[in-house]
Amino acid sequence: MGKIVLRLDRMMVERKISLNELASRVGISNVNLSKIKNNKVTAVRFSTLAAICEVLECKVGDILEFCGDGE
């Protein structure tokens, strides 16, 4: 079975934004954002995804990626 992988770290590097700044602007704790960034979560609220995309000026597909069994 495939899985969804978060590519938030890549987008943060492209946008040159730190974890602390993004967490502050999104309105979540550094710890929770770090878990999202490092794929240590099994669920993310749509409102959190929307806020991240708004701050990073990107689309959800820019930070979420589907990886099949062989990837």
PDB file of N, CA and C in Angstrom:
ATOM      1  N   MET A   1       0.842  -1.187   0.000  1.00  0.00           N
ATOM      2  CA  MET A   1       0.000   0.000   0.000  1.00  0.00           C
ATOM      3  C   MET A   1       0.880   1.240   0.000  1.00  0.00           C
ATOM      4  N   GLY A   2       0.528   2.206  -0.795  1.00  0.00           N
ATOM      5  CA  GLY A   2       1.263   3.469  -0.864  1.00  0.00           C
ATOM      6  C   GLY A   2       1.010   4.330   0.356  1.00  0.00           C
ATOM      7  N   LYS A   3       1.699   5.443   0.406  1.00  0.00           N
ATOM      8  CA  LYS A   3       1.510   6.362   1.528  1.00  0.00           C
ATOM      9  C   LYS A   3       1.701   7.803   1.058  1.00  0.00           C
ATOM     10  N   ILE A   4       1.185   8.714   1.853  1.00  0.00           N
ATOM     11  CA  ILE A   4       1.343  10.148   1.608  1.00  0.00           C
ATOM     12  C   ILE A   4       2.568  10.621   2.395  1.00  0.00           C
ATOM     13  N   VAL A   5       3.458  11.328   1.721  1.00  0.00           N
ATOM     14  CA  VAL A   5       4.668  11.838   2.354  1.00  0.00           C
ATOM     15  C   VAL A   5       4.620  13.358   2.309  1.00  0.00           C
ATOM     16  N   LEU A   6       4.954  13.975   3.426  1.00  0.00           N
ATOM     17  CA  LEU A   6       5.004  15.430   3.500  1.00  0.00           C
ATOM     18  C   LEU A   6       6.368  15.918   3.032  1.00  0.00           C
ATOM     19  N   ARG A   7       6.364  16.873   2.136  1.00  0.00           N
ATOM     20  CA  ARG A   7       7.596  17.457   1.604  1.00  0.00           C
ATOM     21  C   ARG A   7       7.749  18.906   2.058  1.00  0.00           C
ATOM     22  N   LEU A   8       7.293  19.155   3.285  1.00  0.00           N
ATOM     23  CA  LEU A   8       7.323  20.509   3.831  1.00  0.00           C
ATOM     24  C   LEU A   8       8.751  21.031   3.939  1.00  0.00           C
ATOM     25  N   ASP A   9       9.677  20.170   4.305  1.00  0.00           N
ATOM     26  CA  ASP A   9      11.067  20.599   4.453  1.00  0.00           C
ATOM     27  C   ASP A   9      11.615  21.183   3.156  1.00  0.00           C
ATOM     28  N   ARG A  10      11.295  20.554   2.045  1.00  0.00           N
ATOM     29  CA  ARG A  10      11.750  21.037   0.738  1.00  0.00           C
ATOM     30  C   ARG A  10      11.179  22.422   0.428  1.00  0.00           C
ATOM     31  N   MET A  11       9.883  22.592   0.701  1.00  0.00           N
ATOM     32  CA  MET A  11       9.232  23.875   0.422  1.00  0.00           C
ATOM     33  C   MET A  11       9.773  24.977   1.332  1.00  0.00           C
ATOM     34  N   MET A  12      10.084  24.629   2.576  1.00  0.00           N
ATOM     35  CA  MET A  12      10.644  25.619   3.497  1.00  0.00           C
ATOM     36  C   MET A  12      12.006  26.093   3.017  1.00  0.00           C
ATOM     37  N   VAL A  13      12.814  25.192   2.493  1.00  0.00           N
ATOM     38  CA  VAL A  13      14.128  25.572   1.961  1.00  0.00           C
ATOM     39  C   VAL A  13      13.945  26.481   0.746  1.00  0.00           C
ATOM     40  N   GLU A  14      13.024  26.110  -0.149  1.00  0.00           N
ATOM     41  CA  GLU A  14      12.772  26.925  -1.338  1.00  0.00           C
ATOM     42  C   GLU A  14      12.307  28.323  -0.975  1.00  0.00           C
ATOM     43  N   ARG A  15      11.482  28.427   0.062  1.00  0.00           N
ATOM     44  CA  ARG A  15      10.931  29.725   0.465  1.00  0.00           C
ATOM     45  C   ARG A  15      11.832  30.453   1.463  1.00  0.00           C
ATOM     46  N   LYS A  16      12.914  29.783   1.880  1.00  0.00           N
ATOM     47  CA  LYS A  16      13.869  30.367   2.830  1.00  0.00           C
ATOM     48  C   LYS A  16      13.175  30.841   4.111  1.00  0.00           C
ATOM     49  N   ILE A  17      12.415  29.927   4.717  1.00  0.00           N
ATOM     50  CA  ILE A  17      11.696  30.244   5.956  1.00  0.00           C
ATOM     51  C   ILE A  17      12.068  29.216   7.018  1.00  0.00           C
ATOM     52  N   SER A  18      12.296  29.684   8.219  1.00  0.00           N
ATOM     53  CA  SER A  18      12.683  28.791   9.314  1.00  0.00           C
ATOM     54  C   SER A  18      11.456  28.128   9.932  1.00  0.00           C
ATOM     55  N   LEU A  19      11.719  27.075  10.663  1.00  0.00           N
ATOM     56  CA  LEU A  19      10.659  26.363  11.378  1.00  0.00           C
ATOM     57  C   LEU A  19       9.974  27.306  12.363  1.00  0.00           C
ATOM     58  N   ASN A  20      10.766  28.076  13.103  1.00  0.00           N
ATOM     59  CA  ASN A  20      10.194  28.991  14.097  1.00  0.00           C
ATOM     60  C   ASN A  20       9.301  30.045  13.451  1.00  0.00           C
ATOM     61  N   GLU A  21       9.757  30.617  12.341  1.00  0.00           N
ATOM     62  CA  GLU A  21       8.965  31.644  11.675  1.00  0.00           C
ATOM     63  C   GLU A  21       7.678  31.061  11.106  1.00  0.00           C
ATOM     64  N   LEU A  22       7.787  29.909  10.456  1.00  0.00           N
ATOM     65  CA  LEU A  22       6.589  29.289   9.880  1.00  0.00           C
ATOM     66  C   LEU A  22       5.593  28.915  10.964  1.00  0.00           C
ATOM     67  N   ALA A  23       6.071  28.324  12.043  1.00  0.00           N
ATOM     68  CA  ALA A  23       5.177  27.950  13.147  1.00  0.00           C
ATOM     69  C   ALA A  23       4.455  29.174  13.697  1.00  0.00           C
ATOM     70  N   SER A  24       5.189  30.252  13.872  1.00  0.00           N
ATOM     71  CA  SER A  24       4.599  31.487  14.392  1.00  0.00           C
ATOM     72  C   SER A  24       3.532  32.029  13.450  1.00  0.00           C
ATOM     73  N   ARG A  25       3.832  32.055  12.164  1.00  0.00           N
ATOM     74  CA  ARG A  25       2.900  32.615  11.187  1.00  0.00           C
ATOM     75  C   ARG A  25       1.688  31.716  10.953  1.00  0.00           C
ATOM     76  N   VAL A  26       1.866  30.400  11.107  1.00  0.00           N
ATOM     77  CA  VAL A  26       0.748  29.461  10.934  1.00  0.00           C
ATOM     78  C   VAL A  26      -0.108  29.403  12.196  1.00  0.00           C
ATOM     79  N   GLY A  27       0.524  29.618  13.348  1.00  0.00           N
ATOM     80  CA  GLY A  27      -0.216  29.597  14.610  1.00  0.00           C
ATOM     81  C   GLY A  27      -0.226  28.232  15.272  1.00  0.00           C
ATOM     82  N   ILE A  28       0.851  27.453  15.068  1.00  0.00           N
ATOM     83  CA  ILE A  28       0.980  26.166  15.756  1.00  0.00           C
ATOM     84  C   ILE A  28       2.332  26.130  16.458  1.00  0.00           C
ATOM     85  N   SER A  29       2.496  25.179  17.349  1.00  0.00           N
ATOM     86  CA  SER A  29       3.746  25.101  18.110  1.00  0.00           C
ATOM     87  C   SER A  29       4.885  24.596  17.226  1.00  0.00           C
ATOM     88  N   ASN A  30       6.093  24.963  17.628  1.00  0.00           N
ATOM     89  CA  ASN A  30       7.282  24.485  16.918  1.00  0.00           C
ATOM     90  C   ASN A  30       7.345  22.964  16.925  1.00  0.00           C
ATOM     91  N   VAL A  31       6.972  22.366  18.053  1.00  0.00           N
ATOM     92  CA  VAL A  31       7.007  20.908  18.180  1.00  0.00           C
ATOM     93  C   VAL A  31       6.063  20.254  17.172  1.00  0.00           C
ATOM     94  N   ASN A  32       4.844  20.763  17.082  1.00  0.00           N
ATOM     95  CA  ASN A  32       3.884  20.174  16.144  1.00  0.00           C
ATOM     96  C   ASN A  32       4.307  20.379  14.694  1.00  0.00           C
ATOM     97  N   LEU A  33       4.828  21.551  14.368  1.00  0.00           N
ATOM     98  CA  LEU A  33       5.284  21.789  13.010  1.00  0.00           C
ATOM     99  C   LEU A  33       6.485  20.909  12.686  1.00  0.00           C
ATOM    100  N   SER A  34       7.356  20.700  13.653  1.00  0.00           N
ATOM    101  CA  SER A  34       8.507  19.828  13.448  1.00  0.00           C
ATOM    102  C   SER A  34       8.055  18.401  13.141  1.00  0.00           C
ATOM    103  N   LYS A  35       7.039  17.935  13.843  1.00  0.00           N
ATOM    104  CA  LYS A  35       6.501  16.593  13.581  1.00  0.00           C
ATOM    105  C   LYS A  35       5.936  16.496  12.170  1.00  0.00           C
ATOM    106  N   ILE A  36       5.246  17.541  11.733  1.00  0.00           N
ATOM    107  CA  ILE A  36       4.711  17.561  10.370  1.00  0.00           C
ATOM    108  C   ILE A  36       5.862  17.554   9.371  1.00  0.00           C
ATOM    109  N   LYS A  37       6.833  18.410   9.599  1.00  0.00           N
ATOM    110  CA  LYS A  37       7.985  18.547   8.693  1.00  0.00           C
ATOM    111  C   LYS A  37       8.755  17.237   8.562  1.00  0.00           C
ATOM    112  N   ASN A  38       8.857  16.482   9.637  1.00  0.00           N
ATOM    113  CA  ASN A  38       9.644  15.251   9.646  1.00  0.00           C
ATOM    114  C   ASN A  38       8.806  13.986   9.452  1.00  0.00           C
ATOM    115  N   ASN A  39       7.569  14.143   8.962  1.00  0.00           N
ATOM    116  CA  ASN A  39       6.691  13.009   8.669  1.00  0.00           C
ATOM    117  C   ASN A  39       6.448  12.108   9.882  1.00  0.00           C
ATOM    118  N   LYS A  40       6.297  12.708  11.041  1.00  0.00           N
ATOM    119  CA  LYS A  40       6.052  11.957  12.269  1.00  0.00           C
ATOM    120  C   LYS A  40       4.583  12.031  12.692  1.00  0.00           C
ATOM    121  N   VAL A  41       3.706  12.366  11.758  1.00  0.00           N
ATOM    122  CA  VAL A  41       2.278  12.461  12.053  1.00  0.00           C
ATOM    123  C   VAL A  41       1.502  11.510  11.149  1.00  0.00           C
ATOM    124  N   THR A  42       0.330  11.121  11.604  1.00  0.00           N
ATOM    125  CA  THR A  42      -0.540  10.278  10.783  1.00  0.00           C
ATOM    126  C   THR A  42      -1.725  11.063  10.253  1.00  0.00           C
ATOM    127  N   ALA A  43      -1.897  12.289  10.741  1.00  0.00           N
ATOM    128  CA  ALA A  43      -3.001  13.128  10.290  1.00  0.00           C
ATOM    129  C   ALA A  43      -2.616  14.600  10.437  1.00  0.00           C
ATOM    130  N   VAL A  44      -3.139  15.413   9.518  1.00  0.00           N
ATOM    131  CA  VAL A  44      -2.945  16.861   9.581  1.00  0.00           C
ATOM    132  C   VAL A  44      -4.295  17.504   9.282  1.00  0.00           C
ATOM    133  N   ARG A  45      -4.683  18.472  10.070  1.00  0.00           N
ATOM    134  CA  ARG A  45      -5.956  19.161   9.834  1.00  0.00           C
ATOM    135  C   ARG A  45      -5.895  19.962   8.537  1.00  0.00           C
ATOM    136  N   PHE A  46      -7.011  19.975   7.839  1.00  0.00           N
ATOM    137  CA  PHE A  46      -7.081  20.756   6.611  1.00  0.00           C
ATOM    138  C   PHE A  46      -6.819  22.232   6.892  1.00  0.00           C
ATOM    139  N   SER A  47      -7.278  22.717   8.030  1.00  0.00           N
ATOM    140  CA  SER A  47      -7.056  24.128   8.360  1.00  0.00           C
ATOM    141  C   SER A  47      -5.568  24.418   8.547  1.00  0.00           C
ATOM    142  N   THR A  48      -4.828  23.467   9.096  1.00  0.00           N
ATOM    143  CA  THR A  48      -3.384  23.625   9.247  1.00  0.00           C
ATOM    144  C   THR A  48      -2.703  23.605   7.886  1.00  0.00           C
ATOM    145  N   LEU A  49      -3.099  22.668   7.019  1.00  0.00           N
ATOM    146  CA  LEU A  49      -2.548  22.616   5.664  1.00  0.00           C
ATOM    147  C   LEU A  49      -2.831  23.913   4.914  1.00  0.00           C
ATOM    148  N   ALA A  50      -4.037  24.415   5.050  1.00  0.00           N
ATOM    149  CA  ALA A  50      -4.414  25.660   4.373  1.00  0.00           C
ATOM    150  C   ALA A  50      -3.558  26.818   4.868  1.00  0.00           C
ATOM    151  N   ALA A  51      -3.335  26.891   6.173  1.00  0.00           N
ATOM    152  CA  ALA A  51      -2.521  27.979   6.733  1.00  0.00           C
ATOM    153  C   ALA A  51      -1.072  27.872   6.268  1.00  0.00           C
ATOM    154  N   ILE A  52      -0.537  26.665   6.226  1.00  0.00           N
ATOM    155  CA  ILE A  52       0.834  26.461   5.752  1.00  0.00           C
ATOM    156  C   ILE A  52       0.944  26.894   4.292  1.00  0.00           C
ATOM    157  N   CYS A  53      -0.010  26.468   3.476  1.00  0.00           N
ATOM    158  CA  CYS A  53       0.009  26.836   2.055  1.00  0.00           C
ATOM    159  C   CYS A  53      -0.127  28.342   1.866  1.00  0.00           C
ATOM    160  N   GLU A  54      -0.922  28.972   2.689  1.00  0.00           N
ATOM    161  CA  GLU A  54      -1.091  30.425   2.583  1.00  0.00           C
ATOM    162  C   GLU A  54       0.218  31.149   2.889  1.00  0.00           C
ATOM    163  N   VAL A  55       0.871  30.740   3.976  1.00  0.00           N
ATOM    164  CA  VAL A  55       2.125  31.384   4.366  1.00  0.00           C
ATOM    165  C   VAL A  55       3.222  31.114   3.330  1.00  0.00           C
ATOM    166  N   LEU A  56       3.300  29.886   2.840  1.00  0.00           N
ATOM    167  CA  LEU A  56       4.351  29.521   1.883  1.00  0.00           C
ATOM    168  C   LEU A  56       4.004  29.872   0.438  1.00  0.00           C
ATOM    169  N   GLU A  57       2.772  30.354   0.236  1.00  0.00           N
ATOM    170  CA  GLU A  57       2.294  30.698  -1.107  1.00  0.00           C
ATOM    171  C   GLU A  57       2.494  29.519  -2.065  1.00  0.00           C
ATOM    172  N   CYS A  58       1.911  28.379  -1.661  1.00  0.00           N
ATOM    173  CA  CYS A  58       2.024  27.175  -2.471  1.00  0.00           C
ATOM    174  C   CYS A  58       0.692  26.437  -2.469  1.00  0.00           C
ATOM    175  N   LYS A  59       0.632  25.354  -3.215  1.00  0.00           N
ATOM    176  CA  LYS A  59      -0.551  24.498  -3.256  1.00  0.00           C
ATOM    177  C   LYS A  59      -0.298  23.275  -2.400  1.00  0.00           C
ATOM    178  N   VAL A  60      -1.370  22.622  -1.974  1.00  0.00           N
ATOM    179  CA  VAL A  60      -1.250  21.426  -1.142  1.00  0.00           C
ATOM    180  C   VAL A  60      -0.375  20.379  -1.829  1.00  0.00           C
ATOM    181  N   GLY A  61      -0.529  20.246  -3.137  1.00  0.00           N
ATOM    182  CA  GLY A  61       0.265  19.280  -3.889  1.00  0.00           C
ATOM    183  C   GLY A  61       1.757  19.570  -3.886  1.00  0.00           C
ATOM    184  N   ASP A  62       2.131  20.785  -3.516  1.00  0.00           N
ATOM    185  CA  ASP A  62       3.549  21.125  -3.421  1.00  0.00           C
ATOM    186  C   ASP A  62       4.193  20.540  -2.166  1.00  0.00           C
ATOM    187  N   ILE A  63       3.375  20.231  -1.153  1.00  0.00           N
ATOM    188  CA  ILE A  63       3.938  19.703   0.093  1.00  0.00           C
ATOM    189  C   ILE A  63       3.487  18.286   0.416  1.00  0.00           C
ATOM    190  N   LEU A  64       2.504  17.772  -0.312  1.00  0.00           N
ATOM    191  CA  LEU A  64       2.059  16.390  -0.130  1.00  0.00           C
ATOM    192  C   LEU A  64       2.406  15.588  -1.377  1.00  0.00           C
ATOM    193  N   GLU A  65       2.904  14.379  -1.174  1.00  0.00           N
ATOM    194  CA  GLU A  65       3.273  13.548  -2.305  1.00  0.00           C
ATOM    195  C   GLU A  65       2.837  12.111  -2.017  1.00  0.00           C
ATOM    196  N   PHE A  66       2.267  11.457  -3.015  1.00  0.00           N
ATOM    197  CA  PHE A  66       1.890  10.055  -2.887  1.00  0.00           C
ATOM    198  C   PHE A  66       3.040   9.188  -3.355  1.00  0.00           C
ATOM    199  N   CYS A  67       3.457   8.267  -2.508  1.00  0.00           N
ATOM    200  CA  CYS A  67       4.515   7.323  -2.861  1.00  0.00           C
ATOM    201  C   CYS A  67       3.928   5.924  -2.889  1.00  0.00           C
ATOM    202  N   GLY A  68       4.048   5.257  -4.004  1.00  0.00           N
ATOM    203  CA  GLY A  68       3.554   3.896  -4.136  1.00  0.00           C
ATOM    204  C   GLY A  68       4.454   2.904  -3.426  1.00  0.00           C
ATOM    205  N   ASP A  69       4.123   1.634  -3.533  1.00  0.00           N
ATOM    206  CA  ASP A  69       4.862   0.577  -2.840  1.00  0.00           C
ATOM    207  C   ASP A  69       6.345   0.555  -3.175  1.00  0.00           C
ATOM    208  N   GLY A  70       6.683   0.750  -4.426  1.00  0.00           N
ATOM    209  CA  GLY A  70       8.071   0.638  -4.847  1.00  0.00           C
ATOM    210  C   GLY A  70       8.901   1.878  -4.659  1.00  0.00           C
ATOM    211  N   GLU A  71       8.334   2.930  -4.128  1.00  0.00           N
ATOM    212  CA  GLU A  71       9.075   4.191  -4.015  1.00  0.00           C
ATOM    213  C   GLU A  71       9.618   4.412  -2.630  1.00  0.00           C
TER     214      GLU A  71
END
